[in-house]
Amino acid sequence: MLVHLFRLLSRLPLSILHAIGAALGWLVYLASPSYRRRLRGNLVQAGFGQHLRSAVAESGKAIVELPFVWCADPARVARHATEENWDYVQSVLDSGRGIVFLTPHLGCFEITAQQIALRTALTVMYRPPKKAALKPLIEGARARHNLHLAPANLSGVRILAKCLRRGEPVGVLPDQVPQEGEGVWAPYFGKPAYTMTLPAKLAQLGQAAIILVYAERRARGQGFVVRYVPFDGELSGSAAEQAATINRAMEQLIARCPAQYFWSYNRYKQPDGVAGPDAGMAA
């Protein structure tokens, strides 16, 4: 049922989907006190409270554009995306080095992997949905030509490691809250957040390059601009220090278009079995 609905919605123009999404964003914001509290609280915590109205609308667009990104014809989706700085990515590929693409929940993050896969094979880590009904939709939409999936577990990590050793690119969502034992506490917009250590570990395999990527949503449904940004941080010190470096890079990326970050995500939750952060970390 859900697959059929998404396929039906995918036939609509992106401008119509974004208009519906903006309205849905406000509907959910006004109807759900917990959602409203989290979105507004995270936005203010990061220092972007002035973007509240835009962030509410953009959060709805991020949901309603999924049928288009996942179910529309790939060629049609590609026509709605332009790229910035791909030459840099190509130079790294030509050098034979592996690439760790880091894509936060910013803009239309679902389209970034598809755009990369148009040019080169890419393996991305994903977390299977908790609802079984969503599994065929998400896996079928994400696993397209040149785009391969690796589950978010030890088996998936091994798959990514093998790809990097072969000089192939991989993709990870660095701002996703990891499971117990898979992360450390590190500052994120001035507040401790349980942060995955995987990106830094992967980058150290075969001296892989880290490239940040996000797809900024254009106004009035005019498509997306996929931007590739070189990572200029230094991954040294402890795992916590490396995670903090990755988080700072994410903060700088989000500052480019703060209204399009997925602020309703519970980024600061404490996973089961994980001890709380040190009291001095938030200072």
Protein backbone atom coordinates (compact mmCIF):
# COMPACT_ATOMS: atom_id res chain seq x y z
CA MET A 1 0.00 0.00 0.00
CA LEU A 2 2.72 2.44 0.99
CA VAL A 3 4.79 1.60 -2.08
CA HIS A 4 1.81 2.30 -4.34
CA LEU A 5 1.16 5.61 -2.59
CA PHE A 6 4.77 6.71 -3.01
CA ARG A 7 4.75 5.76 -6.68
CA LEU A 8 1.57 7.76 -7.19
CA LEU A 9 2.99 10.81 -5.43
CA SER A 10 6.23 10.53 -7.40
CA ARG A 11 4.33 11.49 -10.54
CA LEU A 12 3.59 14.96 -9.16
CA PRO A 13 5.88 17.90 -9.99
CA LEU A 14 8.50 18.55 -7.34
CA SER A 15 7.12 22.07 -6.86
CA ILE A 16 3.73 20.62 -5.86
CA LEU A 17 5.33 18.11 -3.49
CA HIS A 18 7.34 20.86 -1.81
CA ALA A 19 4.23 23.02 -1.43
CA ILE A 20 2.40 20.10 0.19
CA GLY A 21 5.46 19.42 2.34
CA ALA A 22 5.65 22.99 3.62
CA ALA A 23 2.01 22.83 4.67
CA LEU A 24 2.53 19.44 6.29
CA GLY A 25 5.54 20.76 8.18
CA TRP A 26 3.42 23.47 9.79
CA LEU A 27 0.55 21.07 10.48
CA VAL A 28 2.80 18.68 12.39
CA TYR A 29 4.56 21.53 14.18
CA LEU A 30 1.28 23.00 15.43
CA ALA A 31 -0.33 19.66 16.26
CA SER A 32 2.53 17.97 18.15
CA PRO A 33 3.90 19.67 21.28
CA SER A 34 6.79 17.19 21.60
CA TYR A 35 7.81 17.66 17.96
CA ARG A 36 7.52 21.42 18.30
CA ARG A 37 9.58 21.46 21.48
CA ARG A 38 12.40 19.36 20.01
CA LEU A 39 12.64 21.20 16.69
CA ARG A 40 12.61 24.62 18.30
CA GLY A 41 14.92 23.57 21.14
CA ASN A 42 17.56 22.09 18.82
CA LEU A 43 17.38 25.10 16.51
CA VAL A 44 17.85 27.56 19.37
CA GLN A 45 20.60 25.43 20.94
CA ALA A 46 22.55 25.71 17.68
CA GLY A 47 22.07 29.48 17.50
CA PHE A 48 19.75 29.48 14.50
CA GLY A 49 16.47 30.41 16.18
CA GLN A 50 15.87 33.16 13.62
CA HIS A 51 15.34 30.46 10.97
CA LEU A 52 12.42 28.80 12.80
CA ARG A 53 9.68 29.56 10.29
CA SER A 54 11.74 28.37 7.34
CA ALA A 55 12.92 25.29 9.25
CA VAL A 56 9.34 24.21 9.96
CA ALA A 57 8.46 24.33 6.25
CA GLU A 58 11.72 22.71 5.13
CA SER A 59 11.24 19.79 7.52
CA GLY A 60 7.95 19.00 5.81
CA LYS A 61 9.52 19.26 2.37
CA ALA A 62 12.17 16.75 3.42
CA ILE A 63 9.47 14.14 4.02
CA VAL A 64 7.15 14.78 1.08
CA GLU A 65 9.98 14.89 -1.48
CA LEU A 66 10.92 11.28 -0.66
CA PRO A 67 8.41 9.72 -3.10
CA PHE A 68 10.00 11.76 -5.89
CA VAL A 69 13.60 10.91 -4.90
CA TRP A 70 12.91 7.24 -4.23
CA CYS A 71 10.30 6.29 -6.80
CA ALA A 72 10.49 8.65 -9.77
CA ASP A 73 12.48 7.61 -12.81
CA PRO A 74 16.19 8.08 -11.98
CA ALA A 75 16.74 10.13 -15.13
CA ARG A 76 13.94 12.50 -14.11
CA VAL A 77 15.38 12.85 -10.61
CA ALA A 78 18.85 13.56 -12.02
CA ARG A 79 17.46 16.38 -14.17
CA HIS A 80 16.46 18.19 -10.98
CA ALA A 81 19.99 18.15 -9.55
CA THR A 82 23.08 20.13 -10.39
CA GLU A 83 26.52 19.58 -8.88
CA GLU A 84 29.17 21.87 -7.47
CA ASN A 85 32.86 20.91 -7.17
CA TRP A 86 32.64 17.42 -8.68
CA ASP A 87 36.04 18.02 -10.29
CA TYR A 88 37.60 17.75 -6.84
CA VAL A 89 35.87 14.42 -6.23
CA GLN A 90 37.01 13.14 -9.61
CA SER A 91 40.61 14.08 -8.85
CA VAL A 92 40.51 11.97 -5.69
CA LEU A 93 38.95 9.05 -7.56
CA ASP A 94 41.62 9.32 -10.26
CA SER A 95 44.33 9.14 -7.60
CA GLY A 96 43.11 5.68 -6.58
CA ARG A 97 42.33 6.68 -3.00
CA GLY A 98 39.15 5.61 -1.28
CA ILE A 99 36.63 8.26 -0.29
CA VAL A 100 34.45 8.49 2.81
CA PHE A 101 31.48 10.68 1.90
CA LEU A 102 29.92 12.22 5.02
CA THR A 103 26.34 13.38 4.54
CA PRO A 104 24.46 14.88 7.50
CA HIS A 105 20.66 15.18 7.64
CA LEU A 106 20.90 18.41 5.66
CA GLY A 107 18.76 19.34 2.69
CA CYS A 108 17.78 16.42 0.46
CA PHE A 109 20.40 14.04 1.81
CA GLU A 110 18.71 11.08 0.10
CA ILE A 111 19.59 12.36 -3.36
CA THR A 112 23.33 12.73 -2.71
CA ALA A 113 24.11 9.02 -2.93
CA GLN A 114 22.08 8.69 -6.12
CA GLN A 115 23.99 11.52 -7.76
CA ILE A 116 27.36 10.05 -6.83
CA ALA A 117 26.27 6.63 -8.10
CA LEU A 118 25.61 8.15 -11.53
CA ARG A 119 29.38 8.53 -11.87
CA THR A 120 30.94 5.78 -9.75
CA ALA A 121 30.05 2.75 -7.67
CA LEU A 122 29.15 3.71 -4.09
CA THR A 123 28.41 1.66 -0.98
CA VAL A 124 26.44 3.39 1.75
CA MET A 125 25.71 2.34 5.29
CA TYR A 126 22.07 2.32 6.29
CA ARG A 127 20.00 1.33 9.29
CA PRO A 128 17.07 -0.97 8.37
CA PRO A 129 13.71 0.58 9.31
CA LYS A 130 11.98 -0.65 12.45
CA LYS A 131 8.67 -1.02 10.60
CA ALA A 132 8.71 -4.02 8.26
CA ALA A 133 6.33 -2.29 5.83
CA LEU A 134 8.95 0.34 5.09
CA LYS A 135 11.77 -2.11 4.35
CA PRO A 136 10.92 -2.98 0.70
CA LEU A 137 10.26 0.67 -0.07
CA ILE A 138 13.49 2.03 1.43
CA GLU A 139 15.78 -0.78 0.31
CA GLY A 140 14.30 -0.89 -3.17
CA ALA A 141 14.60 2.87 -3.57
CA ARG A 142 18.14 3.14 -2.25
CA ALA A 143 19.71 0.11 -3.93
CA ARG A 144 19.91 1.29 -7.53
CA HIS A 145 22.48 0.96 -10.28
CA ASN A 146 25.97 1.47 -8.86
CA LEU A 147 24.48 2.09 -5.40
CA HIS A 148 24.99 -0.68 -2.85
CA LEU A 149 23.85 -1.00 0.76
CA ALA A 150 25.75 -2.10 3.86
CA PRO A 151 23.79 -2.69 7.09
CA ALA A 152 24.69 -0.63 10.15
CA ASN A 153 26.36 -3.46 12.03
CA LEU A 154 29.74 -5.22 12.17
CA SER A 155 29.08 -6.98 8.87
CA GLY A 156 28.38 -3.65 7.22
CA VAL A 157 31.55 -2.11 8.63
CA ARG A 158 33.55 -4.93 7.11
CA ILE A 159 31.92 -4.31 3.75
CA LEU A 160 32.84 -0.63 3.88
CA ALA A 161 36.42 -1.45 4.92
CA LYS A 162 36.85 -3.80 1.96
CA CYS A 163 35.55 -1.12 -0.41
CA LEU A 164 38.01 1.46 0.88
CA ARG A 165 40.93 -0.93 0.65
CA ARG A 166 40.01 -1.39 -3.02
CA GLY A 167 40.01 2.38 -3.47
CA GLU A 168 36.22 2.59 -3.74
CA PRO A 169 34.03 5.30 -2.16
CA VAL A 170 31.61 4.72 0.73
CA GLY A 171 28.97 6.89 2.37
CA VAL A 172 27.98 7.41 6.02
CA LEU A 173 25.48 9.62 7.90
CA PRO A 174 27.81 11.03 10.59
CA ASP A 175 25.11 12.71 12.69
CA GLN A 176 23.09 9.55 13.26
CA VAL A 177 23.08 8.44 16.90
CA PRO A 178 25.08 5.18 17.13
CA GLN A 179 24.28 2.17 19.26
CA GLU A 180 25.91 1.31 22.57
CA GLY A 181 29.66 0.84 22.23
CA GLU A 182 29.80 2.41 18.76
CA GLY A 183 30.30 6.01 19.78
CA VAL A 184 31.67 8.58 22.21
CA TRP A 185 30.32 11.77 23.71
CA ALA A 186 31.46 14.85 21.79
CA PRO A 187 30.25 18.47 21.60
CA TYR A 188 27.66 19.22 18.95
CA PHE A 189 26.47 22.80 18.79
CA GLY A 190 27.63 23.32 22.36
CA LYS A 191 25.93 20.27 23.86
CA PRO A 192 27.22 16.70 24.37
CA ALA A 193 25.95 14.30 21.72
CA TYR A 194 26.69 10.59 21.45
CA THR A 195 28.69 10.53 18.22
CA MET A 196 29.85 7.65 16.04
CA THR A 197 33.57 6.95 15.79
CA LEU A 198 33.23 5.07 12.50
CA PRO A 199 33.95 7.96 10.07
CA ALA A 200 37.41 8.61 11.52
CA LYS A 201 38.22 4.90 11.64
CA LEU A 202 37.19 4.43 8.02
CA ALA A 203 39.21 7.42 6.88
CA GLN A 204 42.35 5.86 8.31
CA LEU A 205 41.96 2.79 6.09
CA GLY A 206 44.23 3.22 3.11
CA GLN A 207 44.49 6.95 3.81
CA ALA A 208 41.02 7.53 2.43
CA ALA A 209 39.88 11.09 1.78
CA ILE A 210 36.87 12.53 3.61
CA ILE A 211 34.50 14.59 1.49
CA LEU A 212 31.44 16.32 2.90
CA VAL A 213 28.37 16.36 0.69
CA TYR A 214 24.89 17.81 0.95
CA ALA A 215 22.08 18.74 -1.43
CA GLU A 216 20.65 22.20 -0.86
CA ARG A 217 16.97 22.47 -1.70
CA ARG A 218 16.18 25.26 -4.16
CA ALA A 219 13.16 27.51 -3.66
CA ARG A 220 9.81 26.82 -5.32
CA GLY A 221 10.63 23.21 -6.17
CA GLN A 222 13.33 24.09 -8.68
CA GLY A 223 15.49 21.16 -7.66
CA PHE A 224 18.69 20.68 -5.70
CA VAL A 225 22.33 21.72 -5.73
CA VAL A 226 24.61 18.86 -4.66
CA ARG A 227 27.73 20.38 -3.13
CA TYR A 228 30.98 18.53 -2.44
CA VAL A 229 33.12 20.11 0.25
CA PRO A 230 36.70 19.04 1.11
CA PHE A 231 37.23 18.10 4.76
CA ASP A 232 39.99 20.26 6.24
CA GLY A 233 40.01 18.92 9.80
CA GLU A 234 42.84 16.90 11.31
CA LEU A 235 41.85 13.53 12.74
CA SER A 236 44.36 13.17 15.54
CA GLY A 237 44.21 12.44 19.25
CA SER A 238 41.66 10.26 21.01
CA ALA A 239 38.45 8.87 19.55
CA ALA A 240 36.52 11.61 21.36
CA GLU A 241 38.76 14.31 19.89
CA GLN A 242 38.34 12.87 16.41
CA ALA A 243 34.56 12.73 16.84
CA ALA A 244 34.59 16.36 17.99
CA THR A 245 36.51 17.30 14.83
CA ILE A 246 33.90 15.56 12.66
CA ASN A 247 31.11 17.32 14.57
CA ARG A 248 32.71 20.72 14.00
CA ALA A 249 32.83 20.00 10.29
CA MET A 250 29.13 19.13 10.38
CA GLU A 251 28.35 22.37 12.22
CA GLN A 252 30.16 24.40 9.56
CA LEU A 253 28.30 22.58 6.81
CA ILE A 254 24.91 23.08 8.44
CA ALA A 255 25.64 26.80 8.88
CA ARG A 256 25.55 27.11 5.07
CA CYS A 257 21.78 26.51 5.00
CA PRO A 258 20.62 26.03 8.61
CA ALA A 259 16.90 26.05 7.83
CA GLN A 260 17.30 22.81 5.87
CA TYR A 261 18.76 20.71 8.67
CA PHE A 262 16.50 18.05 10.18
CA TRP A 263 16.23 19.74 13.59
CA SER A 264 13.45 17.47 14.81
CA TYR A 265 15.87 14.53 14.95
CA ASN A 266 16.63 13.49 18.53
CA ARG A 267 20.36 14.05 18.14
CA TYR A 268 21.04 14.35 21.88
CA LYS A 269 19.39 11.16 23.07
CA GLN A 270 21.25 8.78 25.38
CA PRO A 271 21.20 5.24 23.95
CA ASP A 272 20.29 2.37 26.27
CA GLY A 273 23.29 1.09 28.19
CA VAL A 274 25.42 4.17 27.50
CA ALA A 275 26.72 6.14 30.46
CA GLY A 276 26.02 9.87 30.40
CA PRO A 277 28.55 12.43 29.22
CA ASP A 278 31.14 13.94 31.53
CA ALA A 279 29.77 16.94 33.39
CA GLY A 280 32.51 19.21 32.07
CA MET A 281 31.96 18.44 28.40
CA ALA A 282 29.14 20.92 27.93
CA ALA A 283 31.25 23.79 29.23
